[in-house]
Amino acid sequence: MRTALVIGTGLIGTSAALALTQRGVTVHLVDHDPEQARTAAALGAGTDEAPEGPIDLAIVAAPPAHVAAVLADAMRRGVARGYLDVASVKGGPRRELEGLGLDLSAYIGTHPMSGREKSGPLAATADLFEGRPWVLTPTRDTDTEVLNLALELVSHCRAVPVVMDADAHDRAVALVSHMPHLVSSMVAARLENAEEAAVRLCGQGIRDVTRIAASDPRMWIDILSANPGPVADLLSDVALDLDETVRALRSLQSSDEAKRREGTSGIQDVLRRGNAGQVRVPGKHGSAPRAYEVVAVLIDDQPGQLARIFADAGRAGVNIEDVRIEHATGQQAGLVQLMVEPQAAPVLTAALRERGWAIRQ
C-alpha cells in the first residue's frame, strides 16, 4: 500500500492515518468538517489535499448510520482500488450497500477493537491499535487483493487481525462493548443527584465501573442505533438477573430464617457466576488471564513518584504487569497497586522497602 484516503478524521480515522503516515504511506484526509481534516493534517496524519487519482485503499471512519452512504459515494466515484470501514457494527452497513445494488467485491467491513473516552483528532495516537484485535468480516465476494490491503492496514497499525462473520461480530460487540457501556452509564447516573458526602466516598471500584460512562453520548447514540436488537436482548437478560438479585436482597431483610438462607443462596449464585465470567476475560496481550500478586505502595501526590517506583522495580529486575492508582480522598496522597508475577512479589517488596517506600500490607 502506497496511498490511502481516510474519510472521517475523528479519533479512529486520525489514529489510523497517523500510523500509516509513520509507515511511509501517503495519506489523504477528508471530513465533512474541513477544519477537522486540517487539524488532523497539522498533527502529521497526512494531507487534506485531494488525491490526483485513484488511491490504493479508502478507509471510511464515519459514524455507523452514515457508513453505507459514504462508502456508496466513494465507490461510485471510483476513488480507490479497495474500500473498508471501521464502524463498530458490520451487518447493517453491508446490507445497506447490498440494497443499493453495489458490487461489493472491492469492499470489506472491519472494526478495530480500540478506542478512548475522548473523541476527535486531538485525542488520536499512532499507537491506539497496537496489540488490539482488529476484526475483518470478508465474504465469498471479497477480492483477495482487498483482503490483503486490509491486512496490510492492520499490520501497519500493529493490531491483531481477527476474522469473523459480520452478524456474529455484532452479537459479540453487543456483549463485550455496547451492553457494558449502557450498564456503566446507568450506574454512573445514580451519582448525578447523590449527596455530596456520598460521592466523596468514591474509590477505585466505582471509578472502574463508571470509567467508560464518560464517553461522548452523541457517538454512542450512533453506535447503539446501529445495533439495538442484540443489545436489547442482552439487557433483558441483565434485567432478569437484577430482578432475582433484588428478590434475594429483600429476602435477606426477612426475619424468617428460611427466607434469609434463600436470599444468601441467591446472592452467592450471582457472585459466583460473576467470578466465573470474569476469569474468562483475556489477560495481557489477549492471552489467558493470569493471577498476579499485588504490591501496594503508599505515595505522595508529587511529580516523579511513579517514575521512581518503576525505575526501582527495574533495578530489582521485576516486570510490572499492570498498575492501578487509588487517590486518597481529600489528601495529596495515593495508593499504587503494582501487579507482578507471584514469585516476583517478595523480591519487589524487599527492594522497594530498602529504597524507602512505604509498603501497605
Protein backbone atom coordinates (compact mmCIF):
# COMPACT_ATOMS: atom_id res chain seq x y z
CA MET A 1 0.00 0.00 0.00
CA ARG A 2 1.43 3.32 -1.10
CA THR A 3 -1.57 5.64 -0.79
CA ALA A 4 -4.68 5.81 1.38
CA LEU A 5 -7.70 8.05 1.74
CA VAL A 6 -9.16 8.44 5.22
CA ILE A 7 -12.75 9.68 5.12
CA GLY A 8 -13.60 10.91 8.63
CA THR A 9 -10.87 12.37 10.81
CA GLY A 10 -12.15 11.62 14.29
CA LEU A 11 -10.31 9.51 16.86
CA ILE A 12 -10.21 6.26 14.84
CA GLY A 13 -9.64 7.75 11.39
CA THR A 14 -6.88 10.10 12.53
CA SER A 15 -5.18 7.38 14.60
CA ALA A 16 -5.12 5.06 11.58
CA ALA A 17 -3.82 7.90 9.42
CA LEU A 18 -1.04 8.66 11.92
CA ALA A 19 0.02 5.00 11.96
CA LEU A 20 0.02 4.77 8.15
CA THR A 21 1.95 8.03 7.73
CA GLN A 22 4.62 6.78 10.14
CA ARG A 23 4.98 3.66 7.94
CA GLY A 24 5.60 5.75 4.83
CA VAL A 25 2.10 5.64 3.30
CA THR A 26 0.86 8.84 1.65
CA VAL A 27 -2.43 9.59 3.39
CA HIS A 28 -5.11 11.97 2.13
CA LEU A 29 -7.65 13.25 4.67
CA VAL A 30 -11.22 14.36 4.16
CA ASP A 31 -14.03 15.14 6.58
CA HIS A 32 -17.49 16.70 6.42
CA ASP A 33 -15.91 19.36 8.66
CA PRO A 34 -12.87 20.65 6.71
CA GLU A 35 -11.46 22.22 9.87
CA GLN A 36 -11.25 18.78 11.50
CA ALA A 37 -9.35 17.42 8.49
CA ARG A 38 -6.95 20.39 8.68
CA THR A 39 -6.41 19.67 12.37
CA ALA A 40 -5.56 16.04 11.61
CA ALA A 41 -3.16 17.15 8.88
CA ALA A 42 -1.48 19.59 11.28
CA LEU A 43 -0.94 16.67 13.67
CA GLY A 44 1.04 14.84 11.00
CA ALA A 45 -1.71 12.41 9.94
CA GLY A 46 -1.41 13.28 6.23
CA THR A 47 -2.57 15.96 3.84
CA ASP A 48 -6.03 17.48 3.43
CA GLU A 49 -5.35 17.98 -0.28
CA ALA A 50 -7.40 15.78 -2.61
CA PRO A 51 -5.56 12.92 -4.36
CA GLU A 52 -4.88 13.39 -8.07
CA GLY A 53 -6.20 9.95 -9.00
CA PRO A 54 -7.39 6.64 -7.53
CA ILE A 55 -5.55 5.58 -4.39
CA ASP A 56 -4.89 2.11 -3.02
CA LEU A 57 -7.25 2.00 -0.04
CA ALA A 58 -10.16 4.16 1.12
CA ILE A 59 -10.83 3.95 4.86
CA VAL A 60 -14.27 5.17 5.88
CA ALA A 61 -14.31 6.27 9.53
CA ALA A 62 -17.79 7.77 9.61
CA PRO A 63 -20.49 7.10 12.26
CA PRO A 64 -22.31 3.76 11.67
CA ALA A 65 -25.50 5.46 10.50
CA HIS A 66 -23.61 7.20 7.66
CA VAL A 67 -21.11 4.48 6.69
CA ALA A 68 -23.13 2.97 3.83
CA ALA A 69 -23.88 6.34 2.23
CA VAL A 70 -20.25 7.49 2.44
CA LEU A 71 -18.97 4.17 1.09
CA ALA A 72 -21.50 4.17 -1.75
CA ASP A 73 -20.46 7.67 -2.79
CA ALA A 74 -16.75 6.79 -2.75
CA MET A 75 -17.29 3.52 -4.65
CA ARG A 76 -19.41 5.16 -7.33
CA ARG A 77 -16.70 7.77 -7.84
CA GLY A 78 -14.04 5.07 -8.06
CA VAL A 79 -11.66 6.79 -5.64
CA ALA A 80 -9.76 3.63 -4.68
CA ARG A 81 -8.82 0.05 -5.54
CA GLY A 82 -10.21 -1.16 -2.22
CA TYR A 83 -12.66 0.09 0.39
CA LEU A 84 -13.21 -0.65 4.05
CA ASP A 85 -14.96 0.89 7.01
CA VAL A 86 -14.04 0.88 10.70
CA ALA A 87 -17.54 1.17 12.16
CA SER A 88 -18.39 -0.73 15.34
CA VAL A 89 -21.22 -2.65 13.63
CA LYS A 90 -20.84 -4.69 10.48
CA GLY A 91 -24.04 -6.44 9.38
CA GLY A 92 -26.21 -3.35 8.88
CA PRO A 93 -23.85 -1.33 6.63
CA ARG A 94 -23.20 -4.32 4.39
CA ARG A 95 -26.92 -5.00 3.95
CA GLU A 96 -27.46 -1.32 3.12
CA LEU A 97 -24.75 -1.49 0.45
CA GLU A 98 -26.27 -4.66 -0.98
CA GLY A 99 -29.64 -2.91 -1.10
CA LEU A 100 -28.07 -0.13 -3.18
CA GLY A 101 -27.01 -2.70 -5.77
CA LEU A 102 -23.27 -2.08 -5.46
CA ASP A 103 -20.56 -4.57 -6.42
CA LEU A 104 -19.03 -5.38 -3.04
CA SER A 105 -16.02 -7.36 -4.25
CA ALA A 106 -13.83 -4.30 -3.56
CA TYR A 107 -15.21 -3.81 -0.03
CA ILE A 108 -14.53 -5.39 3.35
CA GLY A 109 -16.06 -4.45 6.69
CA THR A 110 -13.64 -4.09 9.60
CA HIS A 111 -13.70 -2.98 13.23
CA PRO A 112 -10.62 -2.10 15.31
CA MET A 113 -11.42 -3.03 18.93
CA SER A 114 -9.80 0.01 20.44
CA GLY A 115 -10.79 3.49 21.49
CA ARG A 116 -10.78 6.11 24.21
CA GLU A 117 -13.34 8.05 26.22
CA LYS A 118 -12.32 11.17 24.28
CA SER A 119 -13.15 11.77 20.62
CA GLY A 120 -11.85 13.91 17.76
CA PRO A 121 -8.46 14.18 16.04
CA LEU A 122 -6.77 15.77 19.06
CA ALA A 123 -7.36 12.53 21.01
CA ALA A 124 -5.74 10.39 18.29
CA THR A 125 -2.47 8.49 18.69
CA ALA A 126 -0.48 6.36 16.26
CA ASP A 127 -0.32 3.50 18.78
CA LEU A 128 -4.06 3.39 19.56
CA PHE A 129 -4.48 -0.03 17.94
CA GLU A 130 -1.20 -1.63 19.00
CA GLY A 131 -1.77 -5.17 20.26
CA ARG A 132 -5.56 -4.81 19.99
CA PRO A 133 -7.88 -7.10 17.97
CA TRP A 134 -8.95 -5.74 14.57
CA VAL A 135 -11.95 -7.65 13.23
CA LEU A 136 -12.22 -8.35 9.49
CA THR A 137 -15.51 -9.60 8.00
CA PRO A 138 -14.76 -10.81 4.46
CA THR A 139 -17.35 -12.72 2.43
CA ARG A 140 -17.03 -15.06 -0.54
CA ASP A 141 -17.35 -11.97 -2.76
CA THR A 142 -14.36 -10.14 -1.24
CA ASP A 143 -11.41 -9.84 -3.63
CA THR A 144 -8.17 -11.31 -2.32
CA GLU A 145 -6.41 -8.03 -3.14
CA VAL A 146 -8.82 -6.09 -0.91
CA LEU A 147 -8.40 -8.56 1.96
CA ASN A 148 -4.62 -8.19 1.61
CA LEU A 149 -4.91 -4.38 1.70
CA ALA A 150 -6.96 -4.65 4.89
CA LEU A 151 -4.40 -7.00 6.43
CA GLU A 152 -1.64 -4.56 5.46
CA LEU A 153 -3.51 -1.75 7.23
CA VAL A 154 -3.86 -3.90 10.35
CA SER A 155 -0.16 -4.72 10.23
CA HIS A 156 0.84 -1.05 9.85
CA CYS A 157 -1.31 -0.25 12.90
CA ARG A 158 0.34 -3.12 14.83
CA ALA A 159 -3.05 -4.63 15.59
CA VAL A 160 -4.06 -8.32 15.63
CA PRO A 161 -6.35 -9.47 12.77
CA VAL A 162 -9.42 -11.49 13.72
CA VAL A 163 -11.73 -12.87 11.00
CA MET A 164 -15.43 -13.13 11.86
CA ASP A 165 -18.86 -13.28 10.27
CA ALA A 166 -20.46 -9.80 10.29
CA ASP A 167 -23.57 -10.73 12.30
CA ALA A 168 -21.54 -12.82 14.76
CA HIS A 169 -19.34 -9.76 15.26
CA ASP A 170 -22.36 -7.57 16.02
CA ARG A 171 -23.62 -10.01 18.65
CA ALA A 172 -20.13 -10.21 20.16
CA VAL A 173 -19.61 -6.45 20.46
CA ALA A 174 -23.08 -6.10 21.95
CA LEU A 175 -21.88 -8.42 24.73
CA VAL A 176 -18.38 -7.07 25.35
CA SER A 177 -18.81 -3.38 24.49
CA HIS A 178 -22.27 -1.96 23.84
CA MET A 179 -24.21 -3.53 26.72
CA PRO A 180 -21.43 -2.85 29.29
CA HIS A 181 -21.37 0.79 28.23
CA LEU A 182 -25.07 1.21 28.97
CA VAL A 183 -24.73 -0.60 32.30
CA SER A 184 -21.79 1.66 33.22
CA SER A 185 -23.88 4.71 32.29
CA MET A 186 -26.79 3.52 34.40
CA VAL A 187 -24.53 3.04 37.43
CA ALA A 188 -22.95 6.47 36.88
CA ALA A 189 -26.41 8.02 36.55
CA ARG A 190 -27.10 7.05 40.20
CA LEU A 191 -24.38 9.54 41.16
CA GLU A 192 -25.90 12.52 39.33
CA ASN A 193 -28.16 13.61 42.19
CA ALA A 194 -26.44 11.78 45.03
CA GLU A 195 -25.46 13.67 48.17
CA GLU A 196 -22.00 15.22 48.03
CA ALA A 197 -20.98 13.39 51.21
CA ALA A 198 -21.70 10.08 49.50
CA VAL A 199 -19.89 10.99 46.27
CA ARG A 200 -16.77 11.95 48.22
CA LEU A 201 -16.50 8.34 49.35
CA CYS A 202 -15.95 7.13 45.76
CA GLY A 203 -12.99 4.78 45.48
CA GLN A 204 -11.30 2.79 42.74
CA GLY A 205 -14.20 0.36 42.44
CA ILE A 206 -16.72 2.98 41.35
CA ARG A 207 -14.10 4.60 39.12
CA ASP A 208 -13.52 1.28 37.36
CA VAL A 209 -17.23 0.64 36.86
CA THR A 210 -18.08 4.13 35.58
CA ARG A 211 -14.95 4.99 33.56
CA ILE A 212 -16.47 4.30 30.14
CA ALA A 213 -19.59 6.31 31.02
CA ALA A 214 -17.52 9.43 30.29
CA SER A 215 -17.72 8.79 26.52
CA ASP A 216 -19.48 11.15 24.09
CA PRO A 217 -23.27 10.43 24.19
CA ARG A 218 -23.70 11.51 20.56
CA MET A 219 -21.21 8.91 19.39
CA TRP A 220 -22.91 6.20 21.43
CA ILE A 221 -26.35 7.05 20.11
CA ASP A 222 -24.96 6.39 16.62
CA ILE A 223 -23.41 3.09 17.72
CA LEU A 224 -26.44 1.80 19.61
CA SER A 225 -28.86 2.85 16.88
CA ALA A 226 -26.96 0.55 14.51
CA ASN A 227 -27.05 -2.48 16.82
CA PRO A 228 -30.17 -2.16 19.01
CA GLY A 229 -31.55 -5.70 18.82
CA PRO A 230 -28.60 -7.69 20.24
CA VAL A 231 -28.03 -5.05 22.94
CA ALA A 232 -31.71 -5.11 23.97
CA ASP A 233 -31.63 -8.93 24.18
CA LEU A 234 -28.63 -8.83 26.50
CA LEU A 235 -30.13 -6.11 28.68
CA SER A 236 -33.29 -8.22 29.01
CA ASP A 237 -31.13 -10.99 30.47
CA VAL A 238 -29.42 -8.50 32.79
CA ALA A 239 -32.86 -7.26 33.88
CA LEU A 240 -33.84 -10.81 34.85
CA ASP A 241 -30.64 -11.11 36.90
CA LEU A 242 -31.40 -7.77 38.56
CA ASP A 243 -34.92 -8.90 39.46
CA GLU A 244 -33.58 -12.10 41.02
CA THR A 245 -30.89 -10.18 42.90
CA VAL A 246 -33.43 -7.67 44.26
CA ARG A 247 -35.62 -10.52 45.47
CA ALA A 248 -32.61 -12.17 47.13
CA LEU A 249 -31.68 -8.94 48.90
CA ARG A 250 -35.26 -8.44 50.11
CA SER A 251 -35.18 -11.97 51.47
CA LEU A 252 -32.05 -11.12 53.45
CA GLN A 253 -34.12 -8.48 55.26
CA SER A 254 -36.66 -11.04 56.39
CA SER A 255 -36.96 -12.23 59.98
CA ASP A 256 -37.67 -15.72 58.63
CA GLU A 257 -34.51 -17.84 58.72
CA ALA A 258 -35.51 -19.87 55.66
CA LYS A 259 -36.02 -16.71 53.60
CA ARG A 260 -32.65 -15.38 54.71
CA ARG A 261 -31.00 -18.62 53.62
CA GLU A 262 -32.78 -18.34 50.29
CA GLY A 263 -31.55 -14.76 49.92
CA THR A 264 -27.98 -15.74 50.77
CA SER A 265 -28.10 -18.51 48.17
CA GLY A 266 -29.35 -16.08 45.51
CA ILE A 267 -26.60 -13.55 46.20
CA GLN A 268 -23.95 -16.27 46.27
CA ASP A 269 -25.19 -17.50 42.90
CA VAL A 270 -24.87 -14.15 41.14
CA LEU A 271 -21.45 -13.50 42.72
CA ARG A 272 -20.27 -16.99 41.75
CA ARG A 273 -21.42 -16.53 38.16
CA GLY A 274 -19.71 -13.16 38.13
CA ASN A 275 -16.46 -14.80 39.22
CA ALA A 276 -16.83 -17.45 36.51
CA GLY A 277 -17.38 -14.83 33.83
CA GLN A 278 -14.61 -12.53 34.99
CA VAL A 279 -11.91 -15.21 34.76
CA ARG A 280 -12.76 -15.61 31.06
CA VAL A 281 -11.76 -12.03 30.28
CA PRO A 282 -8.47 -12.22 28.32
CA GLY A 283 -5.37 -11.09 30.13
CA LYS A 284 -2.29 -9.20 28.98
CA HIS A 285 -1.86 -9.08 25.18
CA GLY A 286 -5.04 -11.16 24.77
CA SER A 287 -3.52 -14.21 26.48
CA ALA A 288 -5.26 -16.36 29.05
CA PRO A 289 -5.91 -14.43 32.26
CA ARG A 290 -3.26 -14.85 34.93
CA ALA A 291 -3.28 -14.34 38.66
CA TYR A 292 -0.89 -11.63 39.82
CA GLU A 293 0.24 -10.62 43.28
CA VAL A 294 -0.38 -7.02 44.32
CA VAL A 295 2.37 -4.94 45.90
CA ALA A 296 0.69 -1.82 47.31
CA VAL A 297 2.87 1.28 47.74
CA LEU A 298 1.84 4.48 49.54
CA ILE A 299 2.97 7.60 47.69
CA ASP A 300 2.73 11.37 47.95
CA ASP A 301 0.97 13.07 45.06
CA GLN A 302 4.13 14.73 43.74
CA PRO A 303 5.77 14.81 40.31
CA GLY A 304 8.09 11.92 39.51
CA GLN A 305 6.83 9.46 42.12
CA LEU A 306 5.58 6.86 39.63
CA ALA A 307 8.74 7.17 37.53
CA ARG A 308 10.83 6.48 40.66
CA ILE A 309 8.79 3.40 41.56
CA PHE A 310 9.08 1.95 38.04
CA ALA A 311 12.82 2.70 37.98
CA ASP A 312 13.32 1.00 41.34
CA ALA A 313 11.30 -2.01 40.15
CA GLY A 314 13.50 -2.18 37.04
CA ARG A 315 16.67 -2.11 39.16
CA ALA A 316 15.23 -5.04 41.12
CA GLY A 317 14.70 -6.94 37.87
CA VAL A 318 10.91 -7.07 38.30
CA ASN A 319 8.47 -6.51 35.42
CA ILE A 320 5.32 -4.58 36.32
CA GLU A 321 2.45 -6.43 34.60
CA ASP A 322 -0.24 -3.86 35.43
CA VAL A 323 -0.78 -0.88 37.70
CA ARG A 324 -3.69 0.84 39.41
CA ILE A 325 -3.72 4.09 41.34
CA GLU A 326 -6.19 4.96 44.07
CA HIS A 327 -6.10 8.54 45.33
CA ALA A 328 -6.87 9.29 48.96
CA THR A 329 -9.98 11.41 49.46
CA GLY A 330 -9.09 14.97 50.45
CA GLN A 331 -5.37 14.25 50.70
CA GLN A 332 -2.36 14.73 48.43
CA ALA A 333 -1.54 11.05 48.63
CA GLY A 334 -2.43 7.80 46.98
CA LEU A 335 -2.00 4.03 46.83
CA VAL A 336 -0.23 2.50 43.84
CA GLN A 337 -1.09 -1.16 43.29
CA LEU A 338 1.64 -2.92 41.31
CA MET A 339 0.61 -6.25 39.75
CA VAL A 340 3.52 -8.68 39.37
CA GLU A 341 4.15 -12.40 38.96
CA PRO A 342 3.66 -14.18 42.33
CA GLN A 343 7.33 -15.17 42.62
CA ALA A 344 8.38 -11.57 42.00
CA ALA A 345 6.22 -10.03 44.76
CA PRO A 346 8.62 -10.69 47.70
CA VAL A 347 11.59 -9.51 45.64
CA LEU A 348 9.84 -6.25 44.71
CA THR A 349 8.54 -5.69 48.23
CA ALA A 350 12.02 -6.06 49.72
CA ALA A 351 13.62 -3.85 47.07
CA LEU A 352 11.09 -1.04 47.47
CA ARG A 353 11.32 -1.11 51.26
CA GLU A 354 15.10 -0.92 51.00
CA ARG A 355 14.72 2.23 48.90
CA GLY A 356 12.44 3.86 51.47
CA TRP A 357 8.98 3.18 50.02
CA ALA A 358 6.08 2.55 52.41
CA ILE A 359 4.52 -0.83 51.59
CA ARG A 360 0.95 -1.46 52.62
CA GLN A 361 0.25 -5.00 53.78
